[in-house]
């Protein structure tokens, strides 16, 4: 039977961190099923989904704390199980762009929740535009439940973006999960 473990790590960015974590996973006989890495300020962040036998997962659980000390990382590990996807009628890729205003993310996530849309992926980036004004881009993948009319929800999303003074691009990804 295969077991899974989520490993989250954060610390000051420097070369070799990913290599050492990947080596530790391999030395523990675990496979890296999925991973995401980002730099926030000077901080390195990583989330990995590892998979292996019960003994392999137990081994990496017991060795991560010492590796964390060595690499000066804060880590959290949590056992999990395979994701069982929910059936959705469609998926949209949505990009919002515009002036960076406090509360924009709150408004977008509340809008999605009110419409029962499932946020599948999320990324945002803020910087100054060529005039020195704060600018943001928010990229989302959203799963739509079967009870939503796709054409009308597209119109609602566009109207919502306009209400926040954001430009919005929508792309239908597929008709099923």
N, C-alpha and C. Protein backbone atom coordinates (compact mmCIF):
# COMPACT_ATOMS: atom_id res chain seq x y z
N UNK A 1 0.84 -1.18 0.00
CA UNK A 1 0.00 0.00 0.00
C UNK A 1 0.89 1.24 0.00
N UNK A 2 0.50 2.22 -0.81
CA UNK A 2 1.25 3.46 -0.92
C UNK A 2 0.71 4.50 0.06
N UNK A 3 1.61 5.21 0.70
CA UNK A 3 1.26 6.26 1.65
C UNK A 3 1.79 7.58 1.12
N UNK A 4 1.20 8.69 1.60
CA UNK A 4 1.61 10.00 1.14
C UNK A 4 1.90 10.92 2.33
N UNK A 5 2.82 11.87 2.07
CA UNK A 5 3.22 12.83 3.09
C UNK A 5 3.40 14.18 2.41
N UNK A 6 2.82 15.22 3.02
CA UNK A 6 3.05 16.58 2.56
C UNK A 6 4.16 17.17 3.42
N UNK A 7 5.17 17.75 2.76
CA UNK A 7 6.28 18.40 3.44
C UNK A 7 6.27 19.87 3.02
N UNK A 8 6.22 20.75 4.00
CA UNK A 8 6.29 22.19 3.75
C UNK A 8 7.55 22.70 4.43
N UNK A 9 8.33 23.49 3.69
CA UNK A 9 9.59 24.02 4.24
C UNK A 9 9.71 25.50 3.90
N UNK A 10 10.29 26.26 4.84
CA UNK A 10 10.50 27.68 4.62
C UNK A 10 11.78 28.12 5.34
N UNK A 11 12.56 28.97 4.68
CA UNK A 11 13.77 29.50 5.28
C UNK A 11 14.46 30.47 4.34
N UNK A 12 15.57 31.01 4.78
CA UNK A 12 16.32 31.95 3.95
C UNK A 12 16.77 31.24 2.67
N UNK A 13 16.58 31.91 1.55
CA UNK A 13 16.93 31.33 0.25
C UNK A 13 18.44 31.24 0.08
N UNK A 14 18.88 30.07 -0.37
CA UNK A 14 20.28 29.88 -0.73
C UNK A 14 20.37 28.62 -1.60
N UNK A 15 21.42 28.52 -2.42
CA UNK A 15 21.56 27.38 -3.33
C UNK A 15 21.65 26.05 -2.58
N UNK A 16 21.09 25.00 -3.19
CA UNK A 16 21.25 23.65 -2.68
C UNK A 16 20.14 23.12 -1.81
N UNK A 17 19.19 23.95 -1.40
CA UNK A 17 18.13 23.49 -0.50
C UNK A 17 17.28 22.42 -1.16
N UNK A 18 16.82 22.70 -2.38
CA UNK A 18 15.95 21.74 -3.07
C UNK A 18 16.70 20.43 -3.31
N UNK A 19 17.97 20.53 -3.67
CA UNK A 19 18.77 19.33 -3.91
C UNK A 19 18.85 18.45 -2.66
N UNK A 20 19.09 19.07 -1.51
CA UNK A 20 19.20 18.29 -0.27
C UNK A 20 17.86 17.67 0.14
N UNK A 21 16.77 18.40 -0.05
CA UNK A 21 15.45 17.84 0.27
C UNK A 21 15.11 16.70 -0.69
N UNK A 22 15.41 16.88 -1.97
CA UNK A 22 15.15 15.82 -2.95
C UNK A 22 16.01 14.58 -2.67
N UNK A 23 17.27 14.81 -2.26
CA UNK A 23 18.15 13.68 -1.91
C UNK A 23 17.60 12.93 -0.70
N UNK A 24 17.09 13.69 0.30
CA UNK A 24 16.53 13.05 1.50
C UNK A 24 15.32 12.20 1.13
N UNK A 25 14.48 12.71 0.23
CA UNK A 25 13.32 11.92 -0.22
C UNK A 25 13.78 10.64 -0.92
N UNK A 26 14.74 10.77 -1.80
CA UNK A 26 15.25 9.61 -2.53
C UNK A 26 15.93 8.61 -1.58
N UNK A 27 16.74 9.11 -0.66
CA UNK A 27 17.42 8.24 0.30
C UNK A 27 16.43 7.51 1.21
N UNK A 28 15.24 8.08 1.36
CA UNK A 28 14.20 7.45 2.19
C UNK A 28 13.28 6.56 1.38
N UNK A 29 13.61 6.38 0.10
CA UNK A 29 12.80 5.57 -0.83
C UNK A 29 11.41 6.16 -1.07
N UNK A 30 11.33 7.48 -1.09
CA UNK A 30 10.08 8.17 -1.39
C UNK A 30 10.16 8.80 -2.77
N UNK A 31 9.03 8.87 -3.45
CA UNK A 31 8.92 9.56 -4.73
C UNK A 31 8.31 10.92 -4.49
N UNK A 32 8.80 11.92 -5.23
CA UNK A 32 8.20 13.25 -5.19
C UNK A 32 7.10 13.25 -6.26
N UNK A 33 5.85 13.26 -5.79
CA UNK A 33 4.70 13.18 -6.68
C UNK A 33 4.35 14.56 -7.24
N UNK A 34 4.49 15.58 -6.42
CA UNK A 34 4.15 16.94 -6.82
C UNK A 34 4.97 17.89 -5.95
N UNK A 35 5.29 19.05 -6.48
CA UNK A 35 6.01 20.03 -5.68
C UNK A 35 5.80 21.43 -6.24
N UNK A 36 5.90 22.40 -5.37
CA UNK A 36 5.82 23.81 -5.72
C UNK A 36 6.88 24.54 -4.90
N UNK A 37 7.58 25.46 -5.55
CA UNK A 37 8.59 26.24 -4.86
C UNK A 37 8.41 27.70 -5.25
N UNK A 38 8.67 28.59 -4.32
CA UNK A 38 8.61 30.02 -4.61
C UNK A 38 9.55 30.75 -3.67
N UNK A 39 9.91 31.95 -4.08
CA UNK A 39 10.70 32.85 -3.25
C UNK A 39 9.79 34.03 -2.90
N UNK A 40 9.62 34.28 -1.60
CA UNK A 40 8.85 35.42 -1.10
C UNK A 40 9.80 36.28 -0.30
N UNK A 41 10.09 37.49 -0.81
CA UNK A 41 11.11 38.31 -0.17
C UNK A 41 12.43 37.55 -0.25
N UNK A 42 13.09 37.35 0.88
CA UNK A 42 14.31 36.56 0.93
C UNK A 42 14.05 35.12 1.37
N UNK A 43 12.79 34.77 1.50
CA UNK A 43 12.43 33.45 2.02
C UNK A 43 12.15 32.45 0.91
N UNK A 44 12.76 31.30 1.02
CA UNK A 44 12.51 30.15 0.17
C UNK A 44 11.31 29.40 0.75
N UNK A 45 10.40 28.97 -0.10
CA UNK A 45 9.27 28.16 0.35
C UNK A 45 9.10 26.97 -0.58
N UNK A 46 8.75 25.83 -0.02
CA UNK A 46 8.58 24.62 -0.80
C UNK A 46 7.47 23.78 -0.20
N UNK A 47 6.65 23.23 -1.07
CA UNK A 47 5.66 22.23 -0.66
C UNK A 47 5.88 21.03 -1.56
N UNK A 48 6.03 19.86 -0.97
CA UNK A 48 6.22 18.62 -1.72
C UNK A 48 5.21 17.58 -1.26
N UNK A 49 4.71 16.82 -2.21
CA UNK A 49 3.89 15.66 -1.89
C UNK A 49 4.76 14.44 -2.18
N UNK A 50 5.05 13.68 -1.12
CA UNK A 50 5.88 12.49 -1.24
C UNK A 50 5.02 11.24 -1.16
N UNK A 51 5.49 10.19 -1.81
CA UNK A 51 4.75 8.93 -1.80
C UNK A 51 5.73 7.79 -1.60
N UNK A 52 5.31 6.81 -0.83
CA UNK A 52 6.16 5.65 -0.60
C UNK A 52 5.46 4.64 0.30
N UNK A 53 6.19 3.60 0.63
CA UNK A 53 5.66 2.59 1.55
C UNK A 53 5.53 3.21 2.95
N UNK A 54 4.86 2.50 3.83
CA UNK A 54 4.70 2.99 5.20
C UNK A 54 6.08 3.23 5.82
N UNK A 55 7.01 2.30 5.62
CA UNK A 55 8.34 2.45 6.23
C UNK A 55 9.12 3.61 5.61
N UNK A 56 8.95 3.85 4.30
CA UNK A 56 9.63 4.97 3.65
C UNK A 56 9.11 6.31 4.18
N UNK A 57 7.80 6.41 4.33
CA UNK A 57 7.21 7.65 4.85
C UNK A 57 7.64 7.86 6.31
N UNK A 58 7.65 6.79 7.08
CA UNK A 58 8.08 6.89 8.47
C UNK A 58 9.54 7.33 8.55
N UNK A 59 10.37 6.81 7.64
CA UNK A 59 11.79 7.16 7.63
C UNK A 59 11.98 8.65 7.35
N UNK A 60 11.29 9.17 6.33
CA UNK A 60 11.50 10.59 6.03
C UNK A 60 10.90 11.47 7.11
N UNK A 61 9.79 11.04 7.72
CA UNK A 61 9.23 11.80 8.85
C UNK A 61 10.24 11.93 9.98
N UNK A 62 11.02 10.89 10.19
CA UNK A 62 11.98 10.92 11.30
C UNK A 62 13.26 11.66 10.96
N UNK A 63 13.57 11.81 9.66
CA UNK A 63 14.82 12.47 9.29
C UNK A 63 14.65 13.95 8.92
N UNK A 64 13.45 14.37 8.60
CA UNK A 64 13.21 15.77 8.23
C UNK A 64 13.62 16.74 9.35
N UNK A 65 13.32 16.46 10.63
CA UNK A 65 13.71 17.43 11.67
C UNK A 65 15.21 17.74 11.71
N UNK A 66 16.06 16.74 11.57
CA UNK A 66 17.50 17.01 11.61
C UNK A 66 17.96 17.74 10.35
N UNK A 67 17.38 17.41 9.21
CA UNK A 67 17.71 18.13 7.98
C UNK A 67 17.23 19.58 8.08
N UNK A 68 16.10 19.80 8.70
CA UNK A 68 15.58 21.16 8.90
C UNK A 68 16.56 21.99 9.72
N UNK A 69 17.10 21.41 10.78
CA UNK A 69 18.10 22.11 11.59
C UNK A 69 19.34 22.44 10.78
N UNK A 70 19.81 21.46 10.03
CA UNK A 70 21.01 21.64 9.22
C UNK A 70 20.81 22.77 8.19
N UNK A 71 19.63 22.82 7.57
CA UNK A 71 19.37 23.81 6.52
C UNK A 71 18.72 25.10 7.05
N UNK A 72 18.52 25.15 8.37
CA UNK A 72 17.87 26.30 9.02
C UNK A 72 16.51 26.60 8.40
N UNK A 73 15.70 25.54 8.30
CA UNK A 73 14.35 25.64 7.74
C UNK A 73 13.31 25.38 8.81
N UNK A 74 12.17 26.02 8.64
CA UNK A 74 10.98 25.63 9.41
C UNK A 74 10.26 24.62 8.53
N UNK A 75 9.91 23.47 9.10
CA UNK A 75 9.21 22.47 8.30
C UNK A 75 7.98 21.96 9.04
N UNK A 76 7.02 21.55 8.25
CA UNK A 76 5.82 20.89 8.75
C UNK A 76 5.60 19.68 7.85
N UNK A 77 5.35 18.54 8.46
CA UNK A 77 5.04 17.33 7.70
C UNK A 77 3.67 16.82 8.15
N UNK A 78 2.91 16.32 7.18
CA UNK A 78 1.58 15.80 7.51
C UNK A 78 1.25 14.66 6.56
N UNK A 79 0.85 13.55 7.15
CA UNK A 79 0.40 12.42 6.32
C UNK A 79 -0.92 12.78 5.67
N UNK A 80 -1.11 12.27 4.47
CA UNK A 80 -2.34 12.51 3.73
C UNK A 80 -2.67 11.27 2.91
N UNK A 81 -3.68 11.37 2.09
CA UNK A 81 -4.05 10.26 1.20
C UNK A 81 -4.32 10.83 -0.18
N UNK A 82 -4.44 9.95 -1.14
CA UNK A 82 -4.68 10.37 -2.52
C UNK A 82 -5.91 11.26 -2.62
N UNK A 83 -5.78 12.28 -3.42
CA UNK A 83 -6.87 13.22 -3.66
C UNK A 83 -7.94 12.54 -4.51
N UNK A 84 -9.17 12.66 -4.07
CA UNK A 84 -10.30 12.16 -4.86
C UNK A 84 -10.99 13.37 -5.48
N UNK A 85 -10.81 13.56 -6.79
CA UNK A 85 -11.38 14.75 -7.41
C UNK A 85 -12.91 14.73 -7.41
N UNK A 86 -13.48 15.91 -7.24
CA UNK A 86 -14.91 16.09 -7.33
C UNK A 86 -15.25 16.35 -8.79
N UNK A 87 -16.41 15.92 -9.21
CA UNK A 87 -16.83 16.12 -10.59
C UNK A 87 -17.31 17.55 -10.79
N UNK A 88 -16.76 18.21 -11.78
CA UNK A 88 -17.17 19.56 -12.14
C UNK A 88 -17.52 19.60 -13.61
N UNK A 89 -18.37 20.53 -13.98
CA UNK A 89 -18.82 20.60 -15.37
C UNK A 89 -17.79 21.24 -16.29
N UNK A 90 -16.99 22.16 -15.76
CA UNK A 90 -16.04 22.87 -16.60
C UNK A 90 -14.97 23.51 -15.72
N UNK A 91 -13.92 23.95 -16.38
CA UNK A 91 -12.84 24.66 -15.69
C UNK A 91 -12.50 25.91 -16.50
N UNK A 92 -12.31 27.00 -15.78
CA UNK A 92 -11.88 28.26 -16.37
C UNK A 92 -10.48 28.60 -15.90
N UNK A 93 -9.72 29.19 -16.80
CA UNK A 93 -8.47 29.86 -16.44
C UNK A 93 -8.85 31.34 -16.44
N UNK A 94 -8.66 32.02 -15.31
CA UNK A 94 -9.05 33.43 -15.20
C UNK A 94 -7.83 34.24 -14.80
N UNK A 95 -7.64 35.37 -15.49
CA UNK A 95 -6.58 36.31 -15.12
C UNK A 95 -7.21 37.67 -14.88
N UNK A 96 -6.92 38.23 -13.71
CA UNK A 96 -7.34 39.59 -13.36
C UNK A 96 -6.08 40.45 -13.34
N UNK A 97 -6.15 41.64 -13.93
CA UNK A 97 -5.02 42.56 -13.94
C UNK A 97 -5.52 43.96 -13.65
N UNK A 98 -4.71 44.72 -12.91
CA UNK A 98 -5.07 46.11 -12.65
C UNK A 98 -4.32 46.67 -11.47
N UNK A 99 -4.77 47.83 -11.03
CA UNK A 99 -4.14 48.50 -9.90
C UNK A 99 -4.22 47.61 -8.67
N UNK A 100 -3.14 47.55 -7.92
CA UNK A 100 -3.08 46.74 -6.70
C UNK A 100 -3.75 47.50 -5.57
N UNK A 101 -4.91 47.01 -5.17
CA UNK A 101 -5.67 47.62 -4.09
C UNK A 101 -5.88 46.62 -2.96
N UNK A 102 -5.80 47.11 -1.74
CA UNK A 102 -6.06 46.27 -0.58
C UNK A 102 -7.50 45.74 -0.66
N UNK A 103 -7.66 44.46 -0.41
CA UNK A 103 -8.99 43.85 -0.39
C UNK A 103 -9.40 43.18 -1.69
N UNK A 104 -8.59 43.33 -2.75
CA UNK A 104 -8.94 42.72 -4.03
C UNK A 104 -9.02 41.20 -3.91
N UNK A 105 -8.02 40.60 -3.28
CA UNK A 105 -8.00 39.14 -3.14
C UNK A 105 -9.19 38.65 -2.33
N UNK A 106 -9.51 39.37 -1.27
CA UNK A 106 -10.67 39.03 -0.44
C UNK A 106 -11.94 39.06 -1.28
N UNK A 107 -12.10 40.11 -2.08
CA UNK A 107 -13.30 40.24 -2.90
C UNK A 107 -13.39 39.10 -3.93
N UNK A 108 -12.28 38.77 -4.57
CA UNK A 108 -12.28 37.72 -5.59
C UNK A 108 -12.62 36.37 -4.97
N UNK A 109 -11.97 36.03 -3.86
CA UNK A 109 -12.22 34.72 -3.25
C UNK A 109 -13.64 34.63 -2.68
N UNK A 110 -14.17 35.73 -2.15
CA UNK A 110 -15.55 35.72 -1.68
C UNK A 110 -16.53 35.53 -2.84
N UNK A 111 -16.27 36.20 -3.96
CA UNK A 111 -17.11 36.05 -5.15
C UNK A 111 -17.15 34.59 -5.60
N UNK A 112 -15.97 33.97 -5.69
CA UNK A 112 -15.89 32.57 -6.12
C UNK A 112 -16.65 31.65 -5.15
N UNK A 113 -16.47 31.89 -3.85
CA UNK A 113 -17.14 31.05 -2.84
C UNK A 113 -18.66 31.22 -2.92
N UNK A 114 -19.14 32.45 -3.10
CA UNK A 114 -20.59 32.68 -3.20
C UNK A 114 -21.20 31.95 -4.38
N UNK A 115 -20.43 31.77 -5.45
CA UNK A 115 -20.90 31.08 -6.66
C UNK A 115 -20.61 29.57 -6.60
N UNK A 116 -20.08 29.09 -5.47
CA UNK A 116 -19.72 27.68 -5.28
C UNK A 116 -18.69 27.20 -6.28
N UNK A 117 -17.81 28.10 -6.71
CA UNK A 117 -16.73 27.72 -7.62
C UNK A 117 -15.54 27.25 -6.79
N UNK A 118 -14.92 26.18 -7.25
CA UNK A 118 -13.79 25.58 -6.57
C UNK A 118 -12.49 26.17 -7.11
N UNK A 119 -11.71 26.78 -6.23
CA UNK A 119 -10.43 27.35 -6.61
C UNK A 119 -9.41 26.22 -6.70
N UNK A 120 -8.96 25.89 -7.92
CA UNK A 120 -8.04 24.77 -8.13
C UNK A 120 -6.58 25.20 -8.05
N UNK A 121 -6.24 26.31 -8.69
CA UNK A 121 -4.89 26.86 -8.58
C UNK A 121 -4.99 28.37 -8.46
N UNK A 122 -3.95 28.95 -7.88
CA UNK A 122 -3.99 30.37 -7.57
C UNK A 122 -2.58 30.92 -7.58
N UNK A 123 -2.39 32.03 -8.21
CA UNK A 123 -1.10 32.71 -8.19
C UNK A 123 -1.33 34.20 -8.31
N UNK A 124 -0.52 34.98 -7.62
CA UNK A 124 -0.65 36.43 -7.73
C UNK A 124 0.73 37.05 -7.66
N UNK A 125 0.83 38.21 -8.28
CA UNK A 125 2.09 38.94 -8.28
C UNK A 125 1.77 40.42 -8.32
N UNK A 126 2.43 41.18 -7.48
CA UNK A 126 2.26 42.64 -7.45
C UNK A 126 3.61 43.30 -7.63
N UNK A 127 3.61 44.37 -8.39
CA UNK A 127 4.82 45.17 -8.60
C UNK A 127 4.40 46.56 -9.05
N UNK A 128 5.35 47.43 -9.26
CA UNK A 128 5.04 48.78 -9.74
C UNK A 128 5.04 48.79 -11.26
N UNK A 129 4.07 49.52 -11.85
CA UNK A 129 4.06 49.65 -13.30
C UNK A 129 5.07 50.71 -13.73
N UNK A 130 5.11 51.04 -15.00
CA UNK A 130 6.11 51.98 -15.52
C UNK A 130 5.95 53.39 -14.95
N UNK A 131 4.76 53.69 -14.39
CA UNK A 131 4.52 55.00 -13.77
C UNK A 131 4.74 54.97 -12.26
N UNK A 132 5.24 53.87 -11.73
CA UNK A 132 5.49 53.75 -10.29
C UNK A 132 4.25 53.45 -9.47
N UNK A 133 3.14 53.08 -10.12
CA UNK A 133 1.91 52.75 -9.40
C UNK A 133 1.86 51.24 -9.16
N UNK A 134 1.29 50.82 -8.02
CA UNK A 134 1.20 49.38 -7.74
C UNK A 134 0.25 48.69 -8.73
N UNK A 135 0.73 47.59 -9.29
CA UNK A 135 0.01 46.82 -10.30
C UNK A 135 -0.02 45.36 -9.86
N UNK A 136 -1.12 44.66 -10.13
CA UNK A 136 -1.21 43.26 -9.74
C UNK A 136 -1.74 42.40 -10.88
N UNK A 137 -1.32 41.15 -10.87
CA UNK A 137 -1.88 40.15 -11.77
C UNK A 137 -2.23 38.94 -10.92
N UNK A 138 -3.45 38.46 -11.08
CA UNK A 138 -3.94 37.31 -10.33
C UNK A 138 -4.39 36.27 -11.34
N UNK A 139 -3.81 35.08 -11.27
CA UNK A 139 -4.14 33.99 -12.18
C UNK A 139 -4.76 32.84 -11.40
N UNK A 140 -5.92 32.38 -11.86
CA UNK A 140 -6.67 31.34 -11.17
C UNK A 140 -7.11 30.25 -12.14
N UNK A 141 -7.21 29.05 -11.66
CA UNK A 141 -7.94 27.99 -12.35
C UNK A 141 -9.12 27.67 -11.43
N UNK A 142 -10.32 27.70 -11.99
CA UNK A 142 -11.54 27.56 -11.20
C UNK A 142 -12.39 26.46 -11.80
N UNK A 143 -12.84 25.53 -10.95
CA UNK A 143 -13.76 24.48 -11.36
C UNK A 143 -15.18 24.94 -11.11
N UNK A 144 -16.05 24.73 -12.09
CA UNK A 144 -17.44 25.15 -11.98
C UNK A 144 -18.34 23.96 -11.69
N UNK A 145 -19.23 24.11 -10.70
CA UNK A 145 -20.18 23.02 -10.44
C UNK A 145 -21.18 22.90 -11.59
N UNK A 146 -21.79 21.75 -11.69
CA UNK A 146 -22.69 21.45 -12.80
C UNK A 146 -23.91 22.36 -12.85
N UNK A 147 -24.34 22.91 -11.73
CA UNK A 147 -25.57 23.72 -11.72
C UNK A 147 -25.37 25.15 -12.21
N UNK A 148 -24.15 25.55 -12.56
CA UNK A 148 -23.92 26.91 -13.05
C UNK A 148 -24.01 26.94 -14.57
N UNK A 149 -24.67 27.97 -15.10
CA UNK A 149 -24.73 28.19 -16.53
C UNK A 149 -23.41 28.87 -16.94
N UNK A 150 -22.64 28.20 -17.77
CA UNK A 150 -21.30 28.67 -18.11
C UNK A 150 -21.32 30.04 -18.78
N UNK A 151 -22.23 30.25 -19.72
CA UNK A 151 -22.28 31.53 -20.42
C UNK A 151 -22.62 32.67 -19.47
N UNK A 152 -23.59 32.46 -18.60
CA UNK A 152 -23.97 33.55 -17.68
C UNK A 152 -22.90 33.80 -16.63
N UNK A 153 -22.18 32.75 -16.21
CA UNK A 153 -21.13 32.96 -15.21
C UNK A 153 -19.96 33.74 -15.83
N UNK A 154 -19.69 33.53 -17.11
CA UNK A 154 -18.67 34.33 -17.78
C UNK A 154 -19.03 35.81 -17.72
N UNK A 155 -20.30 36.12 -18.00
CA UNK A 155 -20.76 37.51 -17.94
C UNK A 155 -20.65 38.06 -16.52
N UNK A 156 -21.01 37.24 -15.53
CA UNK A 156 -20.93 37.66 -14.13
C UNK A 156 -19.49 37.94 -13.70
N UNK A 157 -18.57 37.10 -14.14
CA UNK A 157 -17.15 37.29 -13.79
C UNK A 157 -16.64 38.59 -14.43
N UNK A 158 -16.99 38.81 -15.68
CA UNK A 158 -16.55 40.04 -16.35
C UNK A 158 -17.13 41.28 -15.66
N UNK A 159 -18.41 41.23 -15.28
CA UNK A 159 -19.04 42.36 -14.58
C UNK A 159 -18.39 42.57 -13.22
N UNK A 160 -18.08 41.47 -12.53
CA UNK A 160 -17.42 41.55 -11.23
C UNK A 160 -16.04 42.22 -11.38
N UNK A 161 -15.27 41.79 -12.38
CA UNK A 161 -13.94 42.37 -12.62
C UNK A 161 -14.07 43.87 -12.90
N UNK A 162 -15.04 44.22 -13.70
CA UNK A 162 -15.26 45.64 -14.03
C UNK A 162 -15.59 46.43 -12.76
N UNK A 163 -16.37 45.84 -11.85
CA UNK A 163 -16.72 46.53 -10.60
C UNK A 163 -15.49 46.82 -9.74
N UNK A 164 -14.44 46.01 -9.91
CA UNK A 164 -13.18 46.21 -9.17
C UNK A 164 -12.16 47.00 -9.99
N UNK A 165 -12.57 47.44 -11.18
CA UNK A 165 -11.70 48.18 -12.09
C UNK A 165 -10.49 47.33 -12.50
N UNK A 166 -10.77 46.04 -12.77
CA UNK A 166 -9.73 45.12 -13.22
C UNK A 166 -10.05 44.64 -14.62
N UNK A 167 -9.03 44.40 -15.41
CA UNK A 167 -9.26 43.72 -16.68
C UNK A 167 -9.30 42.22 -16.38
N UNK A 168 -10.02 41.48 -17.21
CA UNK A 168 -10.20 40.06 -16.94
C UNK A 168 -10.19 39.29 -18.24
N UNK A 169 -9.41 38.21 -18.26
CA UNK A 169 -9.47 37.29 -19.39
C UNK A 169 -9.90 35.94 -18.87
N UNK A 170 -10.78 35.30 -19.62
CA UNK A 170 -11.32 33.98 -19.27
C UNK A 170 -11.02 33.02 -20.40
N UNK A 171 -10.67 31.81 -20.03
CA UNK A 171 -10.47 30.77 -21.03
C UNK A 171 -11.06 29.48 -20.50
N UNK A 172 -11.95 28.87 -21.27
CA UNK A 172 -12.52 27.58 -20.88
C UNK A 172 -11.45 26.51 -21.11
N UNK A 173 -11.25 25.69 -20.07
CA UNK A 173 -10.20 24.68 -20.16
C UNK A 173 -10.73 23.33 -20.64
N UNK A 174 -11.89 22.90 -20.14
CA UNK A 174 -12.43 21.60 -20.55
C UNK A 174 -13.88 21.53 -20.10
N UNK A 175 -14.57 20.50 -20.60
CA UNK A 175 -15.96 20.30 -20.23
C UNK A 175 -16.13 19.33 -19.07
N UNK A 176 -15.04 18.75 -18.60
CA UNK A 176 -15.14 17.81 -17.47
C UNK A 176 -13.85 17.84 -16.71
N UNK A 177 -13.87 17.23 -15.53
CA UNK A 177 -12.72 17.22 -14.63
C UNK A 177 -11.58 16.41 -15.17
